[in-house]
Amino acid sequence: MAIAAREQDSALDRLDLERQVKEMYRQVAEQPRGEFHFEMGRGLAERLGYSPKDLDRIPAEAIDSFAGVGNFFDLAAIVPGEVVLDLGSGSGMDTFLAALKVGPEGHVLGLDMTEAQRLKAQRLARESGFETAEFHAGYIEELPFKDASVDVVISNGVINLSADKPRVFHEVARVLRAGGRLAIADIVTESPLPEQVKCNATLWAACIGGAIQQDDYRAAIESAGLRVQTVREHPEYRFLTESAQGASRTYGVKSISLLAIKS
């Protein structure tokens, strides 16, 4: 996730935001049982609908650091042999699950800007024999992959952290092949957030301050040349701290999953 210079909210200190996001997700990787604004781990994954049998087949340490906000795998409909890109792959839980689905003939690319997350995922891939999964350093606004090289893009609770969401979706459209799918879970709002929330880097890092109104989120996807096909809410997702819960109640901050197709 890059903090791009052309973001919608000029008062936000983008360098401070990037620093805080990296620090928070370093802690997610290294101290998954710490205290955060959001829930983590296997209990969350199962409540969001992840298959316990599938979770049993991937590294437990990746599940411990899972901080996603939804479950999109049924929407993604990943099949053997496909190439999948996971934006903000973290410690690798969704990447490893996607690797199970693409099989030995497919390939899964994880991308993350936080070194601790990426190194942990790389170690777990080596130790667990996930040879079709690889993890790259980079920002989701500047994807280090070729045009039309990916069948499916997935992402879980990450795009809301970007300070240039339209650019993220244009990059997604660039790397997707014709007919490719974008299947993601993310945080959006029912009403626009006020400046004091949007300019709070701590709330951005907690997946709240960067959330945009749901119609604007959809418009950004469609402006990039992707057709939104399915949108659903995840009422089972919840924030943990009082400040996060307060923002959720006041502005309708919520989790959704969606599927979009490249024309």
C-alpha atoms as a PDB file:
ATOM      1  CA  MET A   1       0.000   0.000   0.000  1.00  0.00           C
ATOM      2  CA  ALA A   2       1.550   3.277  -1.095  1.00  0.00           C
ATOM      3  CA  ILE A   3       0.605   6.640   0.257  1.00  0.00           C
ATOM      4  CA  ALA A   4       0.305   8.452  -3.052  1.00  0.00           C
ATOM      5  CA  ALA A   5       0.882  12.193  -3.328  1.00  0.00           C
ATOM      6  CA  ARG A   6      -2.436  12.885  -5.045  1.00  0.00           C
ATOM      7  CA  GLU A   7      -4.866  11.714  -2.396  1.00  0.00           C
ATOM      8  CA  GLN A   8      -8.312  13.180  -1.885  1.00  0.00           C
ATOM      9  CA  ASP A   9      -7.605  14.549   1.610  1.00  0.00           C
ATOM     10  CA  SER A  10      -4.825  17.103   1.648  1.00  0.00           C
ATOM     11  CA  ALA A  11      -4.633  17.418   5.439  1.00  0.00           C
ATOM     12  CA  LEU A  12      -3.559  13.812   5.876  1.00  0.00           C
ATOM     13  CA  ASP A  13       0.147  13.347   6.592  1.00  0.00           C
ATOM     14  CA  ARG A  14       0.848  10.567   4.113  1.00  0.00           C
ATOM     15  CA  LEU A  15       4.334   9.779   5.371  1.00  0.00           C
ATOM     16  CA  ASP A  16       3.016   9.425   8.906  1.00  0.00           C
ATOM     17  CA  LEU A  17       0.185   7.250   7.607  1.00  0.00           C
ATOM     18  CA  GLU A  18       2.566   4.902   5.823  1.00  0.00           C
ATOM     19  CA  ARG A  19       4.749   4.710   8.920  1.00  0.00           C
ATOM     20  CA  GLN A  20       1.805   3.895  11.177  1.00  0.00           C
ATOM     21  CA  VAL A  21       0.348   1.311   8.807  1.00  0.00           C
ATOM     22  CA  LYS A  22       3.709  -0.437   8.468  1.00  0.00           C
ATOM     23  CA  GLU A  23       4.222  -0.425  12.222  1.00  0.00           C
ATOM     24  CA  MET A  24       0.752  -1.761  12.965  1.00  0.00           C
ATOM     25  CA  TYR A  25       1.078  -4.612  10.484  1.00  0.00           C
ATOM     26  CA  ARG A  26       4.597  -5.386  11.643  1.00  0.00           C
ATOM     27  CA  GLN A  27       3.019  -6.005  15.028  1.00  0.00           C
ATOM     28  CA  VAL A  28       0.279  -8.086  13.392  1.00  0.00           C
ATOM     29  CA  ALA A  29       3.005 -10.297  11.907  1.00  0.00           C
ATOM     30  CA  GLU A  30       5.255 -10.512  14.950  1.00  0.00           C
ATOM     31  CA  GLN A  31       2.787 -10.207  17.844  1.00  0.00           C
ATOM     32  CA  PRO A  32      -0.530 -11.600  16.568  1.00  0.00           C
ATOM     33  CA  ARG A  33      -1.918 -11.937  20.086  1.00  0.00           C
ATOM     34  CA  GLY A  34      -1.437  -8.247  20.842  1.00  0.00           C
ATOM     35  CA  GLU A  35      -4.211  -5.707  21.246  1.00  0.00           C
ATOM     36  CA  PHE A  36      -5.568  -4.123  18.051  1.00  0.00           C
ATOM     37  CA  HIS A  37      -8.668  -2.239  16.882  1.00  0.00           C
ATOM     38  CA  PHE A  38      -9.653  -5.349  14.921  1.00  0.00           C
ATOM     39  CA  GLU A  39     -10.032  -9.056  15.553  1.00  0.00           C
ATOM     40  CA  MET A  40      -7.520 -11.551  14.188  1.00  0.00           C
ATOM     41  CA  GLY A  41      -6.841 -15.247  13.830  1.00  0.00           C
ATOM     42  CA  ARG A  42      -8.646 -18.500  13.208  1.00  0.00           C
ATOM     43  CA  GLY A  43     -11.761 -17.665  15.185  1.00  0.00           C
ATOM     44  CA  LEU A  44     -12.350 -14.652  12.960  1.00  0.00           C
ATOM     45  CA  ALA A  45     -11.616 -16.633   9.797  1.00  0.00           C
ATOM     46  CA  GLU A  46     -14.109 -19.356  10.670  1.00  0.00           C
ATOM     47  CA  ARG A  47     -16.791 -16.824  11.619  1.00  0.00           C
ATOM     48  CA  LEU A  48     -16.299 -15.163   8.225  1.00  0.00           C
ATOM     49  CA  GLY A  49     -16.998 -18.519   6.583  1.00  0.00           C
ATOM     50  CA  TYR A  50     -13.569 -19.936   5.825  1.00  0.00           C
ATOM     51  CA  SER A  51     -13.540 -23.726   5.644  1.00  0.00           C
ATOM     52  CA  PRO A  52     -11.913 -25.341   8.707  1.00  0.00           C
ATOM     53  CA  LYS A  53     -10.689 -28.156   6.463  1.00  0.00           C
ATOM     54  CA  ASP A  54      -8.917 -25.685   4.190  1.00  0.00           C
ATOM     55  CA  LEU A  55      -7.461 -23.820   7.160  1.00  0.00           C
ATOM     56  CA  ASP A  56      -6.038 -27.094   8.451  1.00  0.00           C
ATOM     57  CA  ARG A  57      -4.022 -27.403   5.215  1.00  0.00           C
ATOM     58  CA  ILE A  58      -2.111 -24.120   5.505  1.00  0.00           C
ATOM     59  CA  PRO A  59       0.441 -22.812   8.051  1.00  0.00           C
ATOM     60  CA  ALA A  60      -1.134 -22.018  11.411  1.00  0.00           C
ATOM     61  CA  GLU A  61       1.154 -18.998  11.855  1.00  0.00           C
ATOM     62  CA  ALA A  62      -0.350 -17.401   8.748  1.00  0.00           C
ATOM     63  CA  ILE A  63      -3.826 -17.849  10.217  1.00  0.00           C
ATOM     64  CA  ASP A  64      -2.717 -16.343  13.535  1.00  0.00           C
ATOM     65  CA  SER A  65      -1.866 -13.082  11.742  1.00  0.00           C
ATOM     66  CA  PHE A  66      -4.995 -13.044   9.577  1.00  0.00           C
ATOM     67  CA  ALA A  67      -6.609  -9.617   9.895  1.00  0.00           C
ATOM     68  CA  GLY A  68      -9.085  -9.761   7.023  1.00  0.00           C
ATOM     69  CA  VAL A  69     -12.581  -8.310   7.017  1.00  0.00           C
ATOM     70  CA  GLY A  70     -14.523 -10.808   4.894  1.00  0.00           C
ATOM     71  CA  ASN A  71     -14.457 -13.947   2.760  1.00  0.00           C
ATOM     72  CA  PHE A  72     -14.611 -13.685  -1.033  1.00  0.00           C
ATOM     73  CA  PHE A  73     -13.385 -17.105  -2.150  1.00  0.00           C
ATOM     74  CA  ASP A  74     -16.757 -18.304  -3.418  1.00  0.00           C
ATOM     75  CA  LEU A  75     -17.004 -15.113  -5.496  1.00  0.00           C
ATOM     76  CA  ALA A  76     -13.472 -15.537  -6.851  1.00  0.00           C
ATOM     77  CA  ALA A  77     -14.261 -19.090  -8.063  1.00  0.00           C
ATOM     78  CA  ILE A  78     -10.546 -19.826  -8.504  1.00  0.00           C
ATOM     79  CA  VAL A  79      -9.858 -22.902 -10.654  1.00  0.00           C
ATOM     80  CA  PRO A  80      -6.731 -25.016 -11.194  1.00  0.00           C
ATOM     81  CA  GLY A  81      -4.063 -23.482 -13.390  1.00  0.00           C
ATOM     82  CA  GLU A  82      -4.980 -19.843 -12.851  1.00  0.00           C
ATOM     83  CA  VAL A  83      -2.669 -16.983 -11.866  1.00  0.00           C
ATOM     84  CA  VAL A  84      -3.875 -15.143  -8.760  1.00  0.00           C
ATOM     85  CA  LEU A  85      -2.583 -11.873  -7.295  1.00  0.00           C
ATOM     86  CA  ASP A  86      -3.174 -11.118  -3.593  1.00  0.00           C
ATOM     87  CA  LEU A  87      -2.948  -7.376  -2.839  1.00  0.00           C
ATOM     88  CA  GLY A  88      -1.664  -6.748   0.681  1.00  0.00           C
ATOM     89  CA  SER A  89      -0.981 -10.430   1.259  1.00  0.00           C
ATOM     90  CA  GLY A  90       0.236 -10.021   4.841  1.00  0.00           C
ATOM     91  CA  SER A  91       1.435 -13.253   6.417  1.00  0.00           C
ATOM     92  CA  GLY A  92      -0.098 -15.198   3.574  1.00  0.00           C
ATOM     93  CA  MET A  93      -3.327 -16.865   4.713  1.00  0.00           C
ATOM     94  CA  ASP A  94      -5.381 -15.963   1.634  1.00  0.00           C
ATOM     95  CA  THR A  95      -2.368 -16.521  -0.630  1.00  0.00           C
ATOM     96  CA  PHE A  96      -1.894 -20.043   0.692  1.00  0.00           C
ATOM     97  CA  LEU A  97      -5.610 -20.812   0.360  1.00  0.00           C
ATOM     98  CA  ALA A  98      -5.521 -19.577  -3.226  1.00  0.00           C
ATOM     99  CA  ALA A  99      -2.488 -21.811  -3.852  1.00  0.00           C
ATOM    100  CA  LEU A 100      -4.559 -24.806  -2.795  1.00  0.00           C
ATOM    101  CA  LYS A 101      -7.154 -23.879  -5.399  1.00  0.00           C
ATOM    102  CA  VAL A 102      -4.830 -23.174  -8.353  1.00  0.00           C
ATOM    103  CA  GLY A 103      -2.983 -26.454  -7.815  1.00  0.00           C
ATOM    104  CA  PRO A 104       0.495 -27.324  -9.091  1.00  0.00           C
ATOM    105  CA  GLU A 105      -0.144 -25.834 -12.537  1.00  0.00           C
ATOM    106  CA  GLY A 106      -1.226 -22.439 -11.200  1.00  0.00           C
ATOM    107  CA  HIS A 107       0.597 -19.598  -9.511  1.00  0.00           C
ATOM    108  CA  VAL A 108      -0.170 -17.142  -6.705  1.00  0.00           C
ATOM    109  CA  LEU A 109       1.589 -13.804  -6.248  1.00  0.00           C
ATOM    110  CA  GLY A 110       1.464 -12.070  -2.886  1.00  0.00           C
ATOM    111  CA  LEU A 111       2.300  -8.359  -2.687  1.00  0.00           C
ATOM    112  CA  ASP A 112       2.914  -6.425   0.537  1.00  0.00           C
ATOM    113  CA  MET A 113       4.806  -3.299   1.556  1.00  0.00           C
ATOM    114  CA  THR A 114       5.464  -4.417   5.151  1.00  0.00           C
ATOM    115  CA  GLU A 115       8.740  -6.303   5.381  1.00  0.00           C
ATOM    116  CA  ALA A 116       7.896  -8.269   8.535  1.00  0.00           C
ATOM    117  CA  GLN A 117       4.715  -9.622   6.968  1.00  0.00           C
ATOM    118  CA  ARG A 118       6.440 -10.502   3.721  1.00  0.00           C
ATOM    119  CA  LEU A 119       9.395 -12.240   5.379  1.00  0.00           C
ATOM    120  CA  LYS A 120       7.066 -14.255   7.575  1.00  0.00           C
ATOM    121  CA  ALA A 121       5.007 -15.357   4.574  1.00  0.00           C
ATOM    122  CA  GLN A 122       8.124 -16.302   2.613  1.00  0.00           C
ATOM    123  CA  ARG A 123       9.411 -18.372   5.525  1.00  0.00           C
ATOM    124  CA  LEU A 124       6.089 -20.165   5.940  1.00  0.00           C
ATOM    125  CA  ALA A 125       5.943 -20.913   2.205  1.00  0.00           C
ATOM    126  CA  ARG A 126       9.399 -22.503   2.319  1.00  0.00           C
ATOM    127  CA  GLU A 127       8.730 -24.482   5.485  1.00  0.00           C
ATOM    128  CA  SER A 128       5.348 -25.750   4.293  1.00  0.00           C
ATOM    129  CA  GLY A 129       6.287 -26.524   0.692  1.00  0.00           C
ATOM    130  CA  PHE A 130       4.008 -23.988  -1.026  1.00  0.00           C
ATOM    131  CA  GLU A 131       6.100 -23.820  -4.180  1.00  0.00           C
ATOM    132  CA  THR A 132       3.438 -22.083  -6.301  1.00  0.00           C
ATOM    133  CA  ALA A 133       3.152 -19.126  -3.893  1.00  0.00           C
ATOM    134  CA  GLU A 134       5.649 -16.285  -3.979  1.00  0.00           C
ATOM    135  CA  PHE A 135       5.736 -12.980  -2.136  1.00  0.00           C
ATOM    136  CA  HIS A 136       6.869  -9.640  -3.558  1.00  0.00           C
ATOM    137  CA  ALA A 137       7.688  -6.254  -2.060  1.00  0.00           C
ATOM    138  CA  GLY A 138       5.662  -3.398  -3.450  1.00  0.00           C
ATOM    139  CA  TYR A 139       2.734  -1.027  -3.332  1.00  0.00           C
ATOM    140  CA  ILE A 140      -0.763  -1.734  -4.545  1.00  0.00           C
ATOM    141  CA  GLU A 141      -0.842   1.545  -6.515  1.00  0.00           C
ATOM    142  CA  GLU A 142       2.255   0.509  -8.496  1.00  0.00           C
ATOM    143  CA  LEU A 143       1.944  -3.194  -9.225  1.00  0.00           C
ATOM    144  CA  PRO A 144       5.258  -4.742 -10.327  1.00  0.00           C
ATOM    145  CA  PHE A 145       3.550  -7.110 -12.778  1.00  0.00           C
ATOM    146  CA  LYS A 146       2.954  -7.131 -16.540  1.00  0.00           C
ATOM    147  CA  ASP A 147      -0.200  -6.045 -18.320  1.00  0.00           C
ATOM    148  CA  ALA A 148      -2.880  -8.729 -18.715  1.00  0.00           C
ATOM    149  CA  SER A 149      -0.859 -11.297 -16.744  1.00  0.00           C
ATOM    150  CA  VAL A 150      -3.327 -12.263 -14.001  1.00  0.00           C
ATOM    151  CA  ASP A 151      -6.619 -14.181 -13.988  1.00  0.00           C
ATOM    152  CA  VAL A 152      -7.857 -13.176 -10.521  1.00  0.00           C
ATOM    153  CA  VAL A 153      -7.002 -10.346  -8.131  1.00  0.00           C
ATOM    154  CA  ILE A 154      -7.938 -10.833  -4.481  1.00  0.00           C
ATOM    155  CA  SER A 155      -7.524  -8.547  -1.473  1.00  0.00           C
ATOM    156  CA  ASN A 156      -8.807  -8.590   2.090  1.00  0.00           C
ATOM    157  CA  GLY A 157      -9.200  -5.390   4.106  1.00  0.00           C
ATOM    158  CA  VAL A 158      -6.334  -3.588   2.382  1.00  0.00           C
ATOM    159  CA  ILE A 159      -7.573  -1.223  -0.340  1.00  0.00           C
ATOM    160  CA  ASN A 160      -9.236   0.989   2.274  1.00  0.00           C
ATOM    161  CA  LEU A 161      -5.705   1.711   3.540  1.00  0.00           C
ATOM    162  CA  SER A 162      -4.653   3.210   0.216  1.00  0.00           C
ATOM    163  CA  ALA A 163      -4.590   6.970  -0.201  1.00  0.00           C
ATOM    164  CA  ASP A 164      -5.282   6.639  -3.941  1.00  0.00           C
ATOM    165  CA  LYS A 165      -7.988   4.034  -4.465  1.00  0.00           C
ATOM    166  CA  PRO A 166      -8.779   4.960  -8.094  1.00  0.00           C
ATOM    167  CA  ARG A 167      -5.146   4.302  -8.964  1.00  0.00           C
ATOM    168  CA  VAL A 168      -5.327   0.901  -7.234  1.00  0.00           C
ATOM    169  CA  PHE A 169      -8.305  -0.131  -9.334  1.00  0.00           C
ATOM    170  CA  HIS A 170      -6.713   1.126 -12.556  1.00  0.00           C
ATOM    171  CA  GLU A 171      -3.640  -0.977 -11.747  1.00  0.00           C
ATOM    172  CA  VAL A 172      -5.891  -3.973 -11.072  1.00  0.00           C
ATOM    173  CA  ALA A 173      -7.560  -3.492 -14.457  1.00  0.00           C
ATOM    174  CA  ARG A 174      -4.150  -3.206 -16.123  1.00  0.00           C
ATOM    175  CA  VAL A 175      -2.813  -6.524 -14.828  1.00  0.00           C
ATOM    176  CA  LEU A 176      -6.050  -8.475 -15.274  1.00  0.00           C
ATOM    177  CA  ARG A 177      -6.662 -10.392 -18.452  1.00  0.00           C
ATOM    178  CA  ALA A 178      -9.895  -9.782 -20.371  1.00  0.00           C
ATOM    179  CA  GLY A 179     -12.648 -11.509 -18.420  1.00  0.00           C
ATOM    180  CA  GLY A 180     -10.485 -11.577 -15.291  1.00  0.00           C
ATOM    181  CA  ARG A 181     -12.023 -11.185 -11.850  1.00  0.00           C
ATOM    182  CA  LEU A 182     -11.505  -8.858  -8.916  1.00  0.00           C
ATOM    183  CA  ALA A 183     -12.778 -10.542  -5.733  1.00  0.00           C
ATOM    184  CA  ILE A 184     -12.183  -8.576  -2.547  1.00  0.00           C
ATOM    185  CA  ALA A 185     -13.363  -7.836   0.958  1.00  0.00           C
ATOM    186  CA  ASP A 186     -12.986  -4.310   2.288  1.00  0.00           C
ATOM    187  CA  ILE A 187     -14.298  -1.611   4.602  1.00  0.00           C
ATOM    188  CA  VAL A 188     -16.665   1.071   3.279  1.00  0.00           C
ATOM    189  CA  THR A 189     -19.026   3.605   4.844  1.00  0.00           C
ATOM    190  CA  GLU A 190     -22.692   4.452   4.472  1.00  0.00           C
ATOM    191  CA  SER A 191     -22.017   8.173   4.898  1.00  0.00           C
ATOM    192  CA  PRO A 192     -18.843  10.209   4.247  1.00  0.00           C
ATOM    193  CA  LEU A 193     -16.365  10.459   7.103  1.00  0.00           C
ATOM    194  CA  PRO A 194     -15.592  13.878   8.608  1.00  0.00           C
ATOM    195  CA  GLU A 195     -12.155  15.446   8.306  1.00  0.00           C
ATOM    196  CA  GLN A 196     -11.185  14.667  11.898  1.00  0.00           C
ATOM    197  CA  VAL A 197     -11.571  10.961  11.161  1.00  0.00           C
ATOM    198  CA  LYS A 198     -10.069  10.996   7.668  1.00  0.00           C
ATOM    199  CA  CYS A 199      -7.027  12.912   8.897  1.00  0.00           C
ATOM    200  CA  ASN A 200      -6.370  10.575  11.819  1.00  0.00           C
ATOM    201  CA  ALA A 201      -3.536   8.274  10.756  1.00  0.00           C
ATOM    202  CA  THR A 202      -4.235   5.882  13.622  1.00  0.00           C
ATOM    203  CA  LEU A 203      -7.818   5.361  12.432  1.00  0.00           C
ATOM    204  CA  TRP A 204      -6.536   4.903   8.871  1.00  0.00           C
ATOM    205  CA  ALA A 205      -4.211   2.155  10.054  1.00  0.00           C
ATOM    206  CA  ALA A 206      -7.175   0.582  11.876  1.00  0.00           C
ATOM    207  CA  CYS A 207      -9.074   0.265   8.540  1.00  0.00           C
ATOM    208  CA  ILE A 208     -11.530   3.055   9.383  1.00  0.00           C
ATOM    209  CA  GLY A 209     -10.124   6.479   8.466  1.00  0.00           C
ATOM    210  CA  GLY A 210      -9.430   5.522   4.866  1.00  0.00           C
ATOM    211  CA  ALA A 211     -12.824   3.968   4.192  1.00  0.00           C
ATOM    212  CA  ILE A 212     -14.907   5.813   1.590  1.00  0.00           C
ATOM    213  CA  GLN A 213     -18.626   5.931   0.933  1.00  0.00           C
ATOM    214  CA  GLN A 214     -19.841   2.717  -0.672  1.00  0.00           C
ATOM    215  CA  ASP A 215     -21.181   4.352  -3.853  1.00  0.00           C
ATOM    216  CA  ASP A 216     -17.869   6.172  -4.383  1.00  0.00           C
ATOM    217  CA  TYR A 217     -16.004   2.903  -3.869  1.00  0.00           C
ATOM    218  CA  ARG A 218     -18.093   1.188  -6.528  1.00  0.00           C
ATOM    219  CA  ALA A 219     -17.717   4.151  -8.896  1.00  0.00           C
ATOM    220  CA  ALA A 220     -13.913   3.984  -8.567  1.00  0.00           C
ATOM    221  CA  ILE A 221     -13.983   0.323  -9.578  1.00  0.00           C
ATOM    222  CA  GLU A 222     -16.249   0.914 -12.565  1.00  0.00           C
ATOM    223  CA  SER A 223     -14.263   3.950 -13.714  1.00  0.00           C
ATOM    224  CA  ALA A 224     -11.258   1.652 -14.040  1.00  0.00           C
ATOM    225  CA  GLY A 225     -13.130  -0.508 -16.565  1.00  0.00           C
ATOM    226  CA  LEU A 226     -14.371  -3.235 -14.234  1.00  0.00           C
ATOM    227  CA  ARG A 227     -18.026  -4.260 -14.013  1.00  0.00           C
ATOM    228  CA  VAL A 228     -19.270  -4.823 -10.468  1.00  0.00           C
ATOM    229  CA  GLN A 229     -21.344  -7.992 -10.480  1.00  0.00           C
ATOM    230  CA  THR A 230     -21.963  -8.846  -6.809  1.00  0.00           C
ATOM    231  CA  VAL A 231     -21.812  -6.915  -3.548  1.00  0.00           C
ATOM    232  CA  ARG A 232     -22.665  -8.324  -0.123  1.00  0.00           C
ATOM    233  CA  GLU A 233     -22.213  -7.254   3.480  1.00  0.00           C
ATOM    234  CA  HIS A 234     -20.430  -9.101   6.297  1.00  0.00           C
ATOM    235  CA  PRO A 235     -22.389  -8.245   9.459  1.00  0.00           C
ATOM    236  CA  GLU A 236     -20.395 -10.885  11.323  1.00  0.00           C
ATOM    237  CA  TYR A 237     -17.290  -8.674  11.104  1.00  0.00           C
ATOM    238  CA  ARG A 238     -16.815  -6.291  14.034  1.00  0.00           C
ATOM    239  CA  PHE A 239     -14.305  -3.818  15.413  1.00  0.00           C
ATOM    240  CA  LEU A 240     -12.991  -4.301  18.945  1.00  0.00           C
ATOM    241  CA  THR A 241     -12.108  -0.936  20.470  1.00  0.00           C
ATOM    242  CA  GLU A 242     -14.587   1.699  21.646  1.00  0.00           C
ATOM    243  CA  SER A 243     -13.283   4.365  19.255  1.00  0.00           C
ATOM    244  CA  ALA A 244     -13.542   2.042  16.254  1.00  0.00           C
ATOM    245  CA  GLN A 245     -17.005   0.860  17.267  1.00  0.00           C
ATOM    246  CA  GLY A 246     -18.117   4.465  17.704  1.00  0.00           C
ATOM    247  CA  ALA A 247     -17.022   5.401  14.181  1.00  0.00           C
ATOM    248  CA  SER A 248     -18.731   2.295  12.852  1.00  0.00           C
ATOM    249  CA  ARG A 249     -22.028   3.189  14.503  1.00  0.00           C
ATOM    250  CA  THR A 250     -21.936   6.870  13.594  1.00  0.00           C
ATOM    251  CA  TYR A 251     -20.895   6.641   9.952  1.00  0.00           C
ATOM    252  CA  GLY A 252     -22.013   3.149   8.993  1.00  0.00           C
ATOM    253  CA  VAL A 253     -18.500   1.752   8.671  1.00  0.00           C
ATOM    254  CA  LYS A 254     -18.946  -1.846   7.532  1.00  0.00           C
ATOM    255  CA  SER A 255     -17.372  -4.814   5.765  1.00  0.00           C
ATOM    256  CA  ILE A 256     -18.372  -5.877   2.280  1.00  0.00           C
ATOM    257  CA  SER A 257     -17.228  -8.411  -0.293  1.00  0.00           C
ATOM    258  CA  LEU A 258     -17.593  -7.841  -4.003  1.00  0.00           C
ATOM    259  CA  LEU A 259     -16.902  -9.381  -7.392  1.00  0.00           C
ATOM    260  CA  ALA A 260     -16.046  -7.291 -10.447  1.00  0.00           C
ATOM    261  CA  ILE A 261     -15.202  -8.459 -13.979  1.00  0.00           C
ATOM    262  CA  LYS A 262     -12.857  -6.877 -16.488  1.00  0.00           C
ATOM    263  CA  SER A 263     -14.647  -6.351 -19.776  1.00  0.00           C
END
